[in-house]
Protein backbone atom coordinates (compact mmCIF):
# COMPACT_ATOMS: atom_id res chain seq x y z
CA UNK A 1 13.35 12.41 -4.43
CA UNK A 2 14.94 8.94 -4.40
CA UNK A 3 14.39 6.86 -0.91
CA UNK A 4 15.30 3.33 -2.14
CA UNK A 5 16.93 1.88 -5.28
CA UNK A 6 13.47 1.64 -6.94
CA UNK A 7 11.07 4.24 -5.17
CA UNK A 8 10.72 7.66 -4.89
CA UNK A 9 8.63 10.11 -2.91
CA UNK A 10 6.85 11.79 -5.68
CA UNK A 11 5.33 8.23 -7.17
CA UNK A 12 4.40 7.65 -3.23
CA UNK A 13 2.35 10.64 -2.65
CA UNK A 14 1.09 11.16 -6.38
CA UNK A 15 -2.70 12.03 -6.35
CA UNK A 16 -4.94 12.54 -9.08
CA UNK A 17 -7.40 13.23 -6.75
CA UNK A 18 -4.76 15.88 -5.02
CA UNK A 19 -3.96 17.63 -8.31
CA UNK A 20 -7.67 17.14 -9.57
CA UNK A 21 -9.27 19.44 -6.35
CA UNK A 22 -6.24 21.28 -5.79
CA UNK A 23 -5.27 19.57 -2.78
CA UNK A 24 -1.39 19.63 -0.86
CA UNK A 25 -0.12 16.08 -0.68
CA UNK A 26 3.28 16.51 0.13
CA UNK A 27 4.29 14.37 3.31
CA UNK A 28 5.80 16.32 6.74
CA UNK A 29 9.10 14.99 7.36
CA UNK A 30 7.74 12.51 10.11
CA UNK A 31 5.93 11.07 7.09
CA UNK A 32 8.25 10.70 4.46
CA UNK A 33 10.21 8.69 7.61
CA UNK A 34 7.42 6.54 7.60
CA UNK A 35 7.29 6.83 3.58
CA UNK A 36 10.74 5.61 3.31
CA UNK A 37 10.13 2.59 5.89
CA UNK A 38 7.20 1.53 3.78
CA UNK A 39 9.21 1.98 0.38
CA UNK A 40 11.96 -0.35 1.87
CA UNK A 41 9.55 -2.89 2.82
CA UNK A 42 8.00 -2.57 -0.67
CA UNK A 43 12.05 -3.39 -1.63
CA UNK A 44 11.28 -6.67 0.12
CA UNK A 45 8.52 -7.59 -1.67
CA UNK A 46 9.59 -6.71 -5.10
CA UNK A 47 12.20 -9.10 -4.61
CA UNK A 48 9.83 -11.55 -3.20
CA UNK A 49 7.98 -10.97 -6.80
CA UNK A 50 10.70 -10.97 -8.96
CA UNK A 51 8.91 -7.92 -10.89
CA UNK A 52 8.70 -4.07 -10.59
CA UNK A 53 5.47 -2.82 -8.44
CA UNK A 54 3.32 -0.22 -9.44
CA UNK A 55 2.15 1.61 -7.36
CA UNK A 56 -1.57 3.42 -7.52
CA UNK A 57 -1.72 5.12 -4.05
CA UNK A 58 0.88 5.55 -1.50
CA UNK A 59 0.70 8.64 0.99
CA UNK A 60 -3.08 10.43 1.48
CA UNK A 61 -3.28 13.60 3.41
CA UNK A 62 -6.36 13.75 5.61
CA UNK A 63 -8.11 16.14 3.05
CA UNK A 64 -6.73 13.73 0.13
CA UNK A 65 -7.73 10.54 2.41
CA UNK A 66 -11.41 12.41 2.62
CA UNK A 67 -12.01 13.09 -0.81
CA UNK A 68 -11.68 9.34 -1.97
CA UNK A 69 -13.45 7.90 0.84
CA UNK A 70 -10.69 6.63 3.07
CA UNK A 71 -11.31 5.21 6.31
CA UNK A 72 -10.49 7.79 9.24
CA UNK A 73 -7.96 5.56 10.75
CA UNK A 74 -6.22 5.10 7.48
CA UNK A 75 -2.34 3.90 7.44
CA UNK A 76 -2.23 5.64 4.02
CA UNK A 77 -2.14 8.90 6.49
CA UNK A 78 0.66 7.68 8.04
CA UNK A 79 2.74 7.05 5.21
CA UNK A 80 2.66 3.58 5.85
CA UNK A 81 0.24 2.06 3.34
CA UNK A 82 0.27 1.38 -0.76
CA UNK A 83 -2.09 0.40 -2.67
CA UNK A 84 0.14 -1.66 -5.61
CA UNK A 85 -0.31 -3.74 -8.62
CA UNK A 86 2.30 -6.05 -10.41
CA UNK A 87 2.00 -6.51 -14.22
CA UNK A 88 0.74 -10.21 -15.00
CA UNK A 89 0.10 -10.73 -11.60
CA UNK A 90 -2.81 -11.01 -9.95
CA UNK A 91 -3.59 -9.76 -6.46
CA UNK A 92 -4.44 -12.93 -5.13
CA UNK A 93 -0.97 -14.54 -6.26
CA UNK A 94 0.48 -11.50 -4.57
CA UNK A 95 -1.45 -11.90 -1.40
CA UNK A 96 -0.28 -15.61 -1.34
CA UNK A 97 3.38 -14.93 -1.92
CA UNK A 98 3.17 -12.59 1.02
CA UNK A 99 1.51 -14.50 2.92
CA UNK A 100 3.94 -17.55 2.55
CA UNK A 101 6.94 -15.16 3.42
CA UNK A 102 8.35 -14.25 6.06
CA UNK A 103 7.57 -10.67 5.52
CA UNK A 104 6.30 -8.71 8.34
CA UNK A 105 3.63 -6.61 7.04
CA UNK A 106 0.50 -5.00 8.93
CA UNK A 107 -2.15 -5.39 6.69
CA UNK A 108 -2.44 -6.81 3.22
CA UNK A 109 -5.56 -6.11 1.63
CA UNK A 110 -7.17 -7.89 -2.15
CA UNK A 111 -9.36 -4.86 -3.05
CA UNK A 112 -11.86 -5.73 -5.34
CA UNK A 113 -9.88 -8.36 -7.20
CA UNK A 114 -7.88 -5.60 -9.11
CA UNK A 115 -5.01 -4.48 -6.42
CA UNK A 116 -3.16 -5.56 -3.05
CA UNK A 117 -3.13 -2.55 0.04
CA UNK A 118 0.24 -3.20 1.96
CA UNK A 119 0.63 -1.56 5.36
CA UNK A 120 3.58 -1.49 7.68
CA UNK A 121 3.05 -1.32 11.29
CA UNK A 122 5.98 -1.57 14.34
CA UNK A 123 3.90 -4.28 15.79
CA UNK A 124 2.63 -5.86 12.09
CA UNK A 125 -0.85 -7.89 12.52
CA UNK A 126 -0.03 -10.09 9.31
CA UNK A 127 -3.98 -9.57 8.74
CA UNK A 128 -5.23 -10.49 5.83
CA UNK A 129 -8.18 -9.29 3.98
CA UNK A 130 -10.50 -9.14 1.30
CA UNK A 131 -12.77 -5.95 0.23
CA UNK A 132 -15.31 -6.53 -2.47
CA UNK A 133 -18.59 -5.59 -3.17
CA UNK A 134 -19.90 -8.78 -0.80
CA UNK A 135 -17.93 -6.82 2.19
CA UNK A 136 -14.95 -7.61 4.40
CA UNK A 137 -13.43 -11.00 5.44
CA UNK A 138 -10.76 -12.75 6.15
CA UNK A 139 -8.13 -13.65 3.66
CA UNK A 140 -7.57 -17.80 3.66
CA UNK A 141 -5.75 -19.46 1.07
CA UNK A 142 -7.40 -22.53 -0.50
CA UNK A 143 -5.86 -25.94 -0.21
């Protein structure tokens, strides 16, 4: 089911963990509404970056979220977050482009310098963080 021209419900709900463990990861209608908002936002991100986006993780049912060790308050469970990669673009470049843009994200997190977590919310905080082996800290753009 296409949510937007470039993003489908299937790619925003696929989970290797769910498949491997036999967990249901199909969202309820209210979550599909949030995933549609997220897909629309990701269209804006795609336009900003000028490239296709690979979704590593989108919606996670509470059971899938627990299985992957996700936060109990994860926006993935609300259909409001995706972990992405962009071919030939580093997570730092993704972070910098989004921070410098007017796009209203809730959180951007450069995770382990491997992918970028992007979330949306009704009242976006535009919070930028780094999570790696050293812990969690604010993300700052170096001058």
